[in-house]
Amino acid sequence: VRNTLDDRLKGIRMQYLSSTIWRKGDKDRAKAMIQAIEKMLKTRRIMRNLEKFVGLRLYEGDLRILQRTI
């Protein structure tokens, strides 16, 4: 979704996008949606790192991180 909105916002023509003309309001709404998605992803990354640091998340095969926290 984010890539599609970003392509549309920048005016990149792709086959998977419809060829309708976007108004300024549509572009502003797409920009706000991209920012909201980026904020959610950033929050998710921060929470995952915090869980790993505290020890609530299992370490998926990376023993170096596990050794550092012990």
PDB file of N, CA and C in Angstrom:
ATOM      1  N   VAL A   1       0.831  -1.183   0.000  1.00  0.00           N
ATOM      2  CA  VAL A   1       0.000   0.000   0.000  1.00  0.00           C
ATOM      3  C   VAL A   1       0.877   1.249   0.000  1.00  0.00           C
ATOM      4  N   ARG A   2       1.905   1.257   0.863  1.00  0.00           N
ATOM      5  CA  ARG A   2       2.758   2.433   0.966  1.00  0.00           C
ATOM      6  C   ARG A   2       3.478   2.707  -0.345  1.00  0.00           C
ATOM      7  N   ASN A   3       4.008   1.660  -0.978  1.00  0.00           N
ATOM      8  CA  ASN A   3       4.721   1.846  -2.239  1.00  0.00           C
ATOM      9  C   ASN A   3       3.795   2.344  -3.335  1.00  0.00           C
ATOM     10  N   THR A   4       2.586   1.822  -3.372  1.00  0.00           N
ATOM     11  CA  THR A   4       1.620   2.261  -4.369  1.00  0.00           C
ATOM     12  C   THR A   4       1.274   3.725  -4.173  1.00  0.00           C
ATOM     13  N   LEU A   5       1.020   4.132  -2.936  1.00  0.00           N
ATOM     14  CA  LEU A   5       0.714   5.536  -2.667  1.00  0.00           C
ATOM     15  C   LEU A   5       1.896   6.429  -3.011  1.00  0.00           C
ATOM     16  N   ASP A   6       3.103   5.973  -2.679  1.00  0.00           N
ATOM     17  CA  ASP A   6       4.295   6.758  -2.957  1.00  0.00           C
ATOM     18  C   ASP A   6       4.507   6.915  -4.461  1.00  0.00           C
ATOM     19  N   ASP A   7       4.325   5.827  -5.225  1.00  0.00           N
ATOM     20  CA  ASP A   7       4.454   5.904  -6.682  1.00  0.00           C
ATOM     21  C   ASP A   7       3.433   6.868  -7.262  1.00  0.00           C
ATOM     22  N   ARG A   8       2.226   6.784  -6.749  1.00  0.00           N
ATOM     23  CA  ARG A   8       1.154   7.644  -7.255  1.00  0.00           C
ATOM     24  C   ARG A   8       1.418   9.109  -6.916  1.00  0.00           C
ATOM     25  N   LEU A   9       1.918   9.342  -5.715  1.00  0.00           N
ATOM     26  CA  LEU A   9       2.186  10.699  -5.261  1.00  0.00           C
ATOM     27  C   LEU A   9       3.283  11.346  -6.093  1.00  0.00           C
ATOM     28  N   LYS A  10       4.301  10.571  -6.456  1.00  0.00           N
ATOM     29  CA  LYS A  10       5.419  11.091  -7.239  1.00  0.00           C
ATOM     30  C   LYS A  10       5.111  11.167  -8.727  1.00  0.00           C
ATOM     31  N   GLY A  11       3.973  10.626  -9.134  1.00  0.00           N
ATOM     32  CA  GLY A  11       3.585  10.699 -10.532  1.00  0.00           C
ATOM     33  C   GLY A  11       4.184   9.602 -11.384  1.00  0.00           C
ATOM     34  N   ILE A  12       4.680   8.551 -10.764  1.00  0.00           N
ATOM     35  CA  ILE A  12       5.245   7.435 -11.513  1.00  0.00           C
ATOM     36  C   ILE A  12       4.093   6.614 -12.076  1.00  0.00           C
ATOM     37  N   ARG A  13       4.138   6.345 -13.364  1.00  0.00           N
ATOM     38  CA  ARG A  13       3.061   5.580 -13.989  1.00  0.00           C
ATOM     39  C   ARG A  13       3.428   4.103 -14.010  1.00  0.00           C
ATOM     40  N   MET A  14       2.618   3.317 -13.330  1.00  0.00           N
ATOM     41  CA  MET A  14       2.834   1.877 -13.270  1.00  0.00           C
ATOM     42  C   MET A  14       1.586   1.185 -13.809  1.00  0.00           C
ATOM     43  N   GLN A  15       1.753  -0.035 -14.269  1.00  0.00           N
ATOM     44  CA  GLN A  15       0.620  -0.755 -14.842  1.00  0.00           C
ATOM     45  C   GLN A  15      -0.425  -1.111 -13.789  1.00  0.00           C
ATOM     46  N   TYR A  16       0.005  -1.309 -12.545  1.00  0.00           N
ATOM     47  CA  TYR A  16      -0.954  -1.717 -11.525  1.00  0.00           C
ATOM     48  C   TYR A  16      -1.760  -0.546 -10.975  1.00  0.00           C
ATOM     49  N   LEU A  17      -1.424   0.690 -11.355  1.00  0.00           N
ATOM     50  CA  LEU A  17      -2.165   1.860 -10.885  1.00  0.00           C
ATOM     51  C   LEU A  17      -3.200   2.276 -11.918  1.00  0.00           C
ATOM     52  N   SER A  18      -4.315   2.768 -11.453  1.00  0.00           N
ATOM     53  CA  SER A  18      -5.308   3.292 -12.381  1.00  0.00           C
ATOM     54  C   SER A  18      -4.809   4.610 -12.958  1.00  0.00           C
ATOM     55  N   SER A  19      -5.349   4.995 -14.090  1.00  0.00           N
ATOM     56  CA  SER A  19      -4.838   6.188 -14.772  1.00  0.00           C
ATOM     57  C   SER A  19      -5.687   7.424 -14.498  1.00  0.00           C
ATOM     58  N   THR A  20      -6.361   7.473 -13.368  1.00  0.00           N
ATOM     59  CA  THR A  20      -7.156   8.648 -13.036  1.00  0.00           C
ATOM     60  C   THR A  20      -6.244   9.799 -12.622  1.00  0.00           C
ATOM     61  N   ILE A  21      -6.710  10.995 -12.799  1.00  0.00           N
ATOM     62  CA  ILE A  21      -5.946  12.189 -12.426  1.00  0.00           C
ATOM     63  C   ILE A  21      -6.216  12.487 -10.958  1.00  0.00           C
ATOM     64  N   TRP A  22      -5.152  12.643 -10.201  1.00  0.00           N
ATOM     65  CA  TRP A  22      -5.287  12.920  -8.779  1.00  0.00           C
ATOM     66  C   TRP A  22      -5.360  14.418  -8.544  1.00  0.00           C
ATOM     67  N   ARG A  23      -6.299  14.821  -7.707  1.00  0.00           N
ATOM     68  CA  ARG A  23      -6.395  16.222  -7.307  1.00  0.00           C
ATOM     69  C   ARG A  23      -5.430  16.487  -6.165  1.00  0.00           C
ATOM     70  N   LYS A  24      -5.271  17.753  -5.814  1.00  0.00           N
ATOM     71  CA  LYS A  24      -4.355  18.119  -4.732  1.00  0.00           C
ATOM     72  C   LYS A  24      -4.791  17.490  -3.413  1.00  0.00           C
ATOM     73  N   GLY A  25      -6.080  17.445  -3.166  1.00  0.00           N
ATOM     74  CA  GLY A  25      -6.582  16.826  -1.937  1.00  0.00           C
ATOM     75  C   GLY A  25      -6.243  15.346  -1.860  1.00  0.00           C
ATOM     76  N   ASP A  26      -6.323  14.660  -3.007  1.00  0.00           N
ATOM     77  CA  ASP A  26      -5.961  13.241  -3.041  1.00  0.00           C
ATOM     78  C   ASP A  26      -4.487  13.052  -2.731  1.00  0.00           C
ATOM     79  N   LYS A  27      -3.644  13.917  -3.283  1.00  0.00           N
ATOM     80  CA  LYS A  27      -2.203  13.820  -3.033  1.00  0.00           C
ATOM     81  C   LYS A  27      -1.883  14.112  -1.573  1.00  0.00           C
ATOM     82  N   ASP A  28      -2.560  15.102  -0.993  1.00  0.00           N
ATOM     83  CA  ASP A  28      -2.341  15.420   0.419  1.00  0.00           C
ATOM     84  C   ASP A  28      -2.767  14.255   1.312  1.00  0.00           C
ATOM     85  N   ARG A  29      -3.895  13.635   0.973  1.00  0.00           N
ATOM     86  CA  ARG A  29      -4.375  12.495   1.741  1.00  0.00           C
ATOM     87  C   ARG A  29      -3.401  11.321   1.630  1.00  0.00           C
ATOM     88  N   ALA A  30      -2.863  11.089   0.438  1.00  0.00           N
ATOM     89  CA  ALA A  30      -1.894  10.007   0.247  1.00  0.00           C
ATOM     90  C   ALA A  30      -0.624  10.280   1.046  1.00  0.00           C
ATOM     91  N   LYS A  31      -0.192  11.540   1.064  1.00  0.00           N
ATOM     92  CA  LYS A  31       1.006  11.900   1.828  1.00  0.00           C
ATOM     93  C   LYS A  31       0.787  11.662   3.318  1.00  0.00           C
ATOM     94  N   ALA A  32      -0.403  12.012   3.817  1.00  0.00           N
ATOM     95  CA  ALA A  32      -0.717  11.793   5.232  1.00  0.00           C
ATOM     96  C   ALA A  32      -0.776  10.299   5.553  1.00  0.00           C
ATOM     97  N   MET A  33      -1.303   9.502   4.629  1.00  0.00           N
ATOM     98  CA  MET A  33      -1.361   8.059   4.851  1.00  0.00           C
ATOM     99  C   MET A  33       0.036   7.451   4.883  1.00  0.00           C
ATOM    100  N   ILE A  34       0.927   7.917   4.004  1.00  0.00           N
ATOM    101  CA  ILE A  34       2.307   7.427   3.989  1.00  0.00           C
ATOM    102  C   ILE A  34       2.988   7.757   5.307  1.00  0.00           C
ATOM    103  N   GLN A  35       2.782   8.969   5.801  1.00  0.00           N
ATOM    104  CA  GLN A  35       3.386   9.358   7.077  1.00  0.00           C
ATOM    105  C   GLN A  35       2.845   8.509   8.226  1.00  0.00           C
ATOM    106  N   ALA A  36       1.549   8.207   8.201  1.00  0.00           N
ATOM    107  CA  ALA A  36       0.957   7.376   9.255  1.00  0.00           C
ATOM    108  C   ALA A  36       1.514   5.955   9.209  1.00  0.00           C
ATOM    109  N   ILE A  37       1.683   5.414   8.001  1.00  0.00           N
ATOM    110  CA  ILE A  37       2.245   4.069   7.862  1.00  0.00           C
ATOM    111  C   ILE A  37       3.675   4.046   8.360  1.00  0.00           C
ATOM    112  N   GLU A  38       4.467   5.063   7.992  1.00  0.00           N
ATOM    113  CA  GLU A  38       5.858   5.138   8.447  1.00  0.00           C
ATOM    114  C   GLU A  38       5.931   5.220   9.975  1.00  0.00           C
ATOM    115  N   LYS A  39       5.023   5.982  10.580  1.00  0.00           N
ATOM    116  CA  LYS A  39       5.012   6.119  12.036  1.00  0.00           C
ATOM    117  C   LYS A  39       4.680   4.785  12.705  1.00  0.00           C
ATOM    118  N   MET A  40       3.708   4.050  12.148  1.00  0.00           N
ATOM    119  CA  MET A  40       3.359   2.746  12.704  1.00  0.00           C
ATOM    120  C   MET A  40       4.525   1.773  12.598  1.00  0.00           C
ATOM    121  N   LEU A  41       5.209   1.768  11.448  1.00  0.00           N
ATOM    122  CA  LEU A  41       6.344   0.866  11.272  1.00  0.00           C
ATOM    123  C   LEU A  41       7.481   1.215  12.220  1.00  0.00           C
ATOM    124  N   LYS A  42       7.716   2.517  12.416  1.00  0.00           N
ATOM    125  CA  LYS A  42       8.776   2.945  13.331  1.00  0.00           C
ATOM    126  C   LYS A  42       8.447   2.512  14.759  1.00  0.00           C
ATOM    127  N   THR A  43       7.191   2.690  15.164  1.00  0.00           N
ATOM    128  CA  THR A  43       6.772   2.281  16.501  1.00  0.00           C
ATOM    129  C   THR A  43       6.920   0.773  16.674  1.00  0.00           C
ATOM    130  N   ARG A  44       6.550   0.019  15.641  1.00  0.00           N
ATOM    131  CA  ARG A  44       6.674  -1.438  15.710  1.00  0.00           C
ATOM    132  C   ARG A  44       8.136  -1.861  15.850  1.00  0.00           C
ATOM    133  N   ARG A  45       9.038  -1.207  15.102  1.00  0.00           N
ATOM    134  CA  ARG A  45      10.464  -1.534  15.209  1.00  0.00           C
ATOM    135  C   ARG A  45      11.000  -1.208  16.590  1.00  0.00           C
ATOM    136  N   ILE A  46      10.601  -0.074  17.144  1.00  0.00           N
ATOM    137  CA  ILE A  46      11.060   0.319  18.479  1.00  0.00           C
ATOM    138  C   ILE A  46      10.572  -0.680  19.521  1.00  0.00           C
ATOM    139  N   MET A  47       9.305  -1.085  19.435  1.00  0.00           N
ATOM    140  CA  MET A  47       8.765  -2.038  20.404  1.00  0.00           C
ATOM    141  C   MET A  47       9.450  -3.395  20.299  1.00  0.00           C
ATOM    142  N   ARG A  48       9.738  -3.850  19.080  1.00  0.00           N
ATOM    143  CA  ARG A  48      10.441  -5.127  18.913  1.00  0.00           C
ATOM    144  C   ARG A  48      11.827  -5.063  19.529  1.00  0.00           C
ATOM    145  N   ASN A  49      12.549  -3.972  19.267  1.00  0.00           N
ATOM    146  CA  ASN A  49      13.885  -3.835  19.835  1.00  0.00           C
ATOM    147  C   ASN A  49      13.830  -3.776  21.356  1.00  0.00           C
ATOM    148  N   LEU A  50      12.832  -3.087  21.892  1.00  0.00           N
ATOM    149  CA  LEU A  50      12.682  -3.003  23.341  1.00  0.00           C
ATOM    150  C   LEU A  50      12.371  -4.375  23.933  1.00  0.00           C
ATOM    151  N   GLU A  51      11.490  -5.134  23.267  1.00  0.00           N
ATOM    152  CA  GLU A  51      11.170  -6.477  23.749  1.00  0.00           C
ATOM    153  C   GLU A  51      12.406  -7.368  23.722  1.00  0.00           C
ATOM    154  N   LYS A  52      13.212  -7.255  22.677  1.00  0.00           N
ATOM    155  CA  LYS A  52      14.440  -8.050  22.614  1.00  0.00           C
ATOM    156  C   LYS A  52      15.383  -7.653  23.740  1.00  0.00           C
ATOM    157  N   PHE A  53      15.492  -6.354  23.999  1.00  0.00           N
ATOM    158  CA  PHE A  53      16.398  -5.873  25.033  1.00  0.00           C
ATOM    159  C   PHE A  53      15.960  -6.348  26.413  1.00  0.00           C
ATOM    160  N   VAL A  54      14.666  -6.279  26.683  1.00  0.00           N
ATOM    161  CA  VAL A  54      14.138  -6.670  27.985  1.00  0.00           C
ATOM    162  C   VAL A  54      14.142  -8.191  28.135  1.00  0.00           C
ATOM    163  N   GLY A  55      14.025  -8.901  27.031  1.00  0.00           N
ATOM    164  CA  GLY A  55      14.083 -10.355  27.076  1.00  0.00           C
ATOM    165  C   GLY A  55      12.753 -11.043  26.892  1.00  0.00           C
ATOM    166  N   LEU A  56      11.734 -10.322  26.476  1.00  0.00           N
ATOM    167  CA  LEU A  56      10.424 -10.929  26.291  1.00  0.00           C
ATOM    168  C   LEU A  56      10.277 -11.588  24.930  1.00  0.00           C
ATOM    169  N   ARG A  57      11.086 -11.195  23.970  1.00  0.00           N
ATOM    170  CA  ARG A  57      10.984 -11.756  22.629  1.00  0.00           C
ATOM    171  C   ARG A  57      12.064 -12.817  22.448  1.00  0.00           C
ATOM    172  N   LEU A  58      11.692 -13.916  21.816  1.00  0.00           N
ATOM    173  CA  LEU A  58      12.653 -14.971  21.549  1.00  0.00           C
ATOM    174  C   LEU A  58      13.639 -14.507  20.486  1.00  0.00           C
ATOM    175  N   TYR A  59      14.857 -14.914  20.620  1.00  0.00           N
ATOM    176  CA  TYR A  59      15.885 -14.560  19.657  1.00  0.00           C
ATOM    177  C   TYR A  59      15.875 -15.593  18.547  1.00  0.00           C
ATOM    178  N   GLU A  60      15.628 -15.135  17.331  1.00  0.00           N
ATOM    179  CA  GLU A  60      15.509 -16.045  16.195  1.00  0.00           C
ATOM    180  C   GLU A  60      16.892 -16.403  15.659  1.00  0.00           C
ATOM    181  N   GLY A  61      17.635 -17.217  16.386  1.00  0.00           N
ATOM    182  CA  GLY A  61      18.897 -17.724  15.877  1.00  0.00           C
ATOM    183  C   GLY A  61      20.077 -16.789  16.010  1.00  0.00           C
ATOM    184  N   ASP A  62      19.900 -15.593  16.525  1.00  0.00           N
ATOM    185  CA  ASP A  62      21.016 -14.662  16.660  1.00  0.00           C
ATOM    186  C   ASP A  62      21.549 -14.749  18.088  1.00  0.00           C
ATOM    187  N   LEU A  63      22.526 -15.606  18.279  1.00  0.00           N
ATOM    188  CA  LEU A  63      23.048 -15.842  19.623  1.00  0.00           C
ATOM    189  C   LEU A  63      23.938 -14.701  20.114  1.00  0.00           C
ATOM    190  N   ARG A  64      24.461 -13.893  19.190  1.00  0.00           N
ATOM    191  CA  ARG A  64      25.295 -12.764  19.614  1.00  0.00           C
ATOM    192  C   ARG A  64      24.482 -11.771  20.438  1.00  0.00           C
ATOM    193  N   ILE A  65      23.254 -11.529  20.026  1.00  0.00           N
ATOM    194  CA  ILE A  65      22.395 -10.607  20.780  1.00  0.00           C
ATOM    195  C   ILE A  65      22.077 -11.204  22.146  1.00  0.00           C
ATOM    196  N   LEU A  66      21.820 -12.510  22.176  1.00  0.00           N
ATOM    197  CA  LEU A  66      21.516 -13.180  23.433  1.00  0.00           C
ATOM    198  C   LEU A  66      22.705 -13.109  24.387  1.00  0.00           C
ATOM    199  N   GLN A  67      23.920 -13.308  23.885  1.00  0.00           N
ATOM    200  CA  GLN A  67      25.106 -13.256  24.731  1.00  0.00           C
ATOM    201  C   GLN A  67      25.346 -11.848  25.257  1.00  0.00           C
ATOM    202  N   ARG A  68      25.042 -10.842  24.437  1.00  0.00           N
ATOM    203  CA  ARG A  68      25.247  -9.459  24.867  1.00  0.00           C
ATOM    204  C   ARG A  68      24.341  -9.083  26.025  1.00  0.00           C
ATOM    205  N   THR A  69      23.116  -9.631  26.049  1.00  0.00           N
ATOM    206  CA  THR A  69      22.174  -9.252  27.100  1.00  0.00           C
ATOM    207  C   THR A  69      22.407 -10.018  28.392  1.00  0.00           C
ATOM    208  N   ILE A  70      23.128 -11.137  28.329  1.00  0.00           N
ATOM    209  CA  ILE A  70      23.356 -11.951  29.541  1.00  0.00           C
ATOM    210  C   ILE A  70      24.448 -11.385  30.373  1.00  0.00           C
TER     211      ILE A  70
END
